[in-house]
Protein backbone atom coordinates (compact mmCIF):
# COMPACT_ATOMS: atom_id res chain seq x y z
CA ASN A 1 0.00 0.00 0.00
CA GLY A 2 3.00 2.31 -0.37
CA THR A 3 4.05 2.13 3.27
CA ILE A 4 7.75 1.82 4.02
CA VAL A 5 8.45 -1.23 6.19
CA GLN A 6 11.02 -0.31 8.81
CA THR A 7 11.53 -3.71 10.41
CA ASP A 8 13.94 -6.32 9.05
CA ILE A 9 12.29 -8.78 6.66
CA GLU A 10 14.03 -11.83 5.31
CA TYR A 11 11.28 -13.48 3.27
CA ALA A 12 7.85 -12.40 2.11
CA THR A 13 5.00 -13.59 -0.06
CA LEU A 14 3.49 -11.40 -2.74
CA ARG A 15 -0.01 -12.12 -4.05
CA LEU A 16 -1.04 -10.68 -7.40
CA ASP A 17 -4.34 -11.68 -9.01
CA GLY A 18 -4.39 -14.99 -7.17
CA ALA A 19 -0.80 -15.94 -8.08
CA VAL A 20 1.66 -16.27 -5.19
CA TYR A 21 5.30 -15.20 -5.44
CA SER A 22 7.90 -15.62 -2.73
CA SER A 23 10.72 -13.12 -2.37
CA LYS A 24 13.92 -12.66 -0.45
CA PHE A 25 14.68 -9.18 0.84
CA SER A 26 17.94 -7.44 1.57
CA LYS A 27 19.02 -3.96 2.62
CA LEU A 28 19.37 -1.25 0.00
CA GLU A 29 22.77 -0.73 -1.51
CA SER A 30 24.74 1.59 0.73
CA ASP A 31 26.81 3.16 -2.05
CA LEU A 32 25.40 6.36 -3.48
CA SER A 33 26.65 8.23 -6.54
CA VAL A 34 25.31 11.77 -6.91
CA VAL A 35 25.82 14.53 -9.44
CA LEU A 36 25.07 18.02 -8.14
CA LEU A 37 23.90 20.18 -11.03
CA MET A 38 24.06 23.91 -10.21
CA ASP A 39 22.50 26.65 -12.35
CA THR A 40 25.18 29.22 -13.23
CA SER A 41 23.32 30.72 -16.19
CA GLY A 42 22.65 34.39 -16.82
CA THR A 43 19.34 34.01 -14.97
CA MET A 44 21.37 34.19 -11.75
CA SER A 45 23.82 36.93 -12.70
CA VAL A 46 22.23 40.35 -12.09
CA GLY A 47 20.95 42.24 -9.04
CA ARG A 48 18.77 40.25 -6.65
CA ALA A 49 19.41 37.10 -8.67
CA TYR A 50 23.15 37.29 -7.93
CA THR A 51 22.42 37.64 -4.20
CA ASP A 52 20.05 34.66 -4.45
CA PHE A 53 22.73 32.67 -6.29
CA ARG A 54 25.26 33.29 -3.51
CA THR A 55 22.70 32.29 -0.88
CA LEU A 56 21.94 29.05 -2.74
CA ARG A 57 25.61 28.30 -3.27
CA ASP A 58 26.41 28.88 0.41
CA SER A 59 23.46 26.77 1.58
CA LEU A 60 24.47 23.92 -0.70
CA THR A 61 28.04 24.18 0.59
CA ARG A 62 26.80 23.78 4.17
CA SER A 63 24.47 20.92 3.18
CA ILE A 64 27.20 18.90 1.49
CA GLU A 65 28.88 18.47 4.86
CA ASN A 66 25.93 16.27 5.91
CA ALA A 67 26.09 13.95 2.92
CA PRO A 68 26.49 10.25 3.79
CA GLU A 69 30.10 9.13 4.03
CA THR A 70 29.48 6.40 1.45
CA ALA A 71 28.28 8.93 -1.13
CA LYS A 72 30.49 9.86 -4.06
CA VAL A 73 29.61 13.32 -5.37
CA ALA A 74 30.44 15.06 -8.64
CA LEU A 75 29.77 18.75 -9.34
CA ILE A 76 28.57 20.12 -12.67
CA PRO A 77 27.69 23.80 -13.00
CA PHE A 78 25.57 24.54 -16.06
CA ALA A 79 24.66 27.40 -18.35
CA ASP A 80 24.96 26.94 -22.13
CA ARG A 81 27.48 24.17 -21.41
CA ALA A 82 27.86 21.71 -18.53
CA PRO A 83 31.54 21.01 -17.78
CA THR A 84 32.38 18.81 -14.82
CA THR A 85 34.08 20.88 -12.11
CA VAL A 86 34.72 18.00 -9.68
CA GLU A 87 34.77 14.30 -10.59
CA PHE A 88 33.21 11.77 -8.20
CA THR A 89 34.74 12.09 -4.75
CA SER A 90 33.85 11.53 -1.12
CA ASP A 91 36.06 14.49 -0.15
CA ARG A 92 33.46 16.97 1.18
CA GLU A 93 36.04 19.74 1.54
CA ARG A 94 36.97 19.49 -2.14
CA ILE A 95 33.31 19.78 -3.19
CA SER A 96 32.74 22.69 -0.78
CA LYS A 97 35.76 24.60 -2.10
CA ALA A 98 34.62 24.08 -5.69
CA LEU A 99 31.08 25.25 -4.85
CA LYS A 100 32.44 28.44 -3.29
CA THR A 101 34.21 29.34 -6.54
CA LEU A 102 31.10 29.03 -8.75
CA GLN A 103 29.89 32.25 -10.38
CA PRO A 104 26.91 32.86 -12.67
CA GLN A 105 27.77 33.56 -16.32
CA SER A 106 26.20 36.78 -17.53
CA GLY A 107 24.38 36.49 -20.84
CA LYS A 108 24.54 32.68 -20.97
CA GLN A 109 21.29 30.77 -21.43
CA ALA A 110 20.38 27.74 -19.35
CA CYS A 111 20.55 24.42 -21.18
CA LEU A 112 18.97 22.44 -18.33
CA ASN A 113 18.02 19.36 -20.35
CA ASP A 114 21.50 19.13 -21.90
CA ALA A 115 23.03 19.42 -18.43
CA LEU A 116 20.73 16.70 -17.05
CA TYR A 117 21.68 14.45 -19.96
CA GLU A 118 25.37 15.08 -19.28
CA ALA A 119 24.90 14.27 -15.57
CA ILE A 120 23.05 11.05 -16.38
CA ALA A 121 25.82 10.00 -18.78
CA LYS A 122 28.37 10.61 -16.01
CA LEU A 123 26.35 8.32 -13.71
CA SER A 124 25.78 5.56 -16.27
CA ASN A 125 28.62 3.38 -14.91
CA ALA A 126 28.71 4.69 -11.35
CA PRO A 127 28.30 2.22 -8.47
CA GLY A 128 25.30 1.93 -6.15
CA ARG A 129 22.20 4.05 -6.22
CA ARG A 130 22.46 6.90 -8.73
CA ALA A 131 20.91 10.34 -8.51
CA VAL A 132 21.11 13.80 -10.01
CA ILE A 133 20.18 16.73 -7.81
CA ALA A 134 19.57 19.82 -9.92
CA ILE A 135 19.39 23.25 -8.29
CA THR A 136 17.94 25.65 -10.84
CA ALA A 137 16.19 28.97 -11.24
CA SER A 138 16.02 28.46 -15.01
CA ALA A 139 13.78 26.53 -17.32
CA ASP A 140 15.50 24.88 -20.27
CA GLY A 141 16.27 27.67 -22.73
CA CYS A 142 18.00 25.65 -25.43
CA ALA A 143 15.45 23.03 -26.54
CA THR A 144 18.17 20.79 -27.97
CA ARG A 145 16.98 17.77 -25.93
CA SER A 146 13.39 17.02 -25.08
CA THR A 147 12.14 16.33 -21.58
CA GLN A 148 11.13 12.84 -22.75
CA ALA A 149 14.66 12.13 -24.05
CA VAL A 150 16.08 13.08 -20.64
CA VAL A 151 13.55 10.92 -18.77
CA ASP A 152 14.14 7.94 -21.07
CA PHE A 153 17.93 8.24 -20.70
CA ALA A 154 17.60 8.45 -16.90
CA ASN A 155 15.37 5.38 -16.76
CA GLU A 156 17.66 3.40 -19.09
CA ASN A 157 20.56 4.11 -16.73
CA ARG A 158 18.59 3.69 -13.47
CA VAL A 159 19.20 7.30 -12.40
CA ASP A 160 16.74 9.13 -10.14
CA LEU A 161 16.35 12.82 -10.94
CA TYR A 162 15.61 15.37 -8.21
CA ALA A 163 15.24 19.11 -8.64
CA LEU A 164 15.01 22.18 -6.50
CA GLY A 165 13.46 25.03 -8.45
CA VAL A 166 13.98 28.55 -7.16
CA GLU A 167 10.67 30.43 -7.08
CA GLY A 168 10.43 33.78 -8.81
CA TYR A 169 12.46 32.82 -11.87
CA THR A 170 11.78 30.91 -15.10
CA SER A 171 11.72 27.33 -13.78
CA THR A 172 8.32 25.96 -12.78
CA ARG A 173 7.35 23.09 -10.54
CA GLN A 174 5.31 21.51 -13.36
CA GLU A 175 8.29 21.47 -15.73
CA LEU A 176 10.55 20.02 -13.05
CA ASP A 177 7.95 17.39 -12.09
CA ALA A 178 7.79 16.30 -15.75
CA ILE A 179 11.49 15.53 -15.57
CA THR A 180 11.79 14.09 -12.07
CA VAL A 181 8.62 12.15 -11.25
CA PRO A 182 8.86 9.60 -14.12
CA THR A 183 12.35 8.61 -12.89
CA GLY A 184 11.28 7.96 -9.30
CA GLY A 185 12.51 11.33 -8.06
CA PHE A 186 10.65 14.49 -7.15
CA SER A 187 10.98 18.24 -7.28
CA GLU A 188 10.36 21.16 -4.96
CA ALA A 189 9.91 24.83 -5.73
CA ARG A 190 11.03 27.09 -2.89
CA GLY A 191 12.04 30.64 -2.24
CA VAL A 192 15.72 31.27 -1.62
CA SER A 193 15.12 31.86 2.09
CA GLU A 194 13.75 28.33 2.34
């Protein structure tokens, strides 16, 4: 019924339409491979947006310190391109230092779908559970890859997509849900102060 079972289970029986299936259960894989995708497009480069960008960047830097020790994290800032800034590492200090150096790129559009595709490709051979966490104020402004192409690629590679949309800019919760929900992930739209 969608409830998470919190007790240890070794064996269980599943009944579907009168047929009975027995199963063996085990704990989830403990390894986690994550790509952090950070919007550095022109959307975040002027006035209040630049202040919001710095707030987001600083909050993410503080949050990374609480990531599980078994997690390997890569960092990809994106605008019109999505170059990897930090390859997969469990070194939280290295990720934090790289985050602190990120700056928005004035005049550059946000190619969100291309960046998501790049992040999924990076995760295609990564160990354990795989996820992309996109922090964006921008909707996709390039239209070179469709939302469906991104979702299909994520599902083919068993990558969950998650997104945090910054309210008051061009990204919308509906657009982010269209990308994240079909992969088993979810999105949130929040103000910078949240």
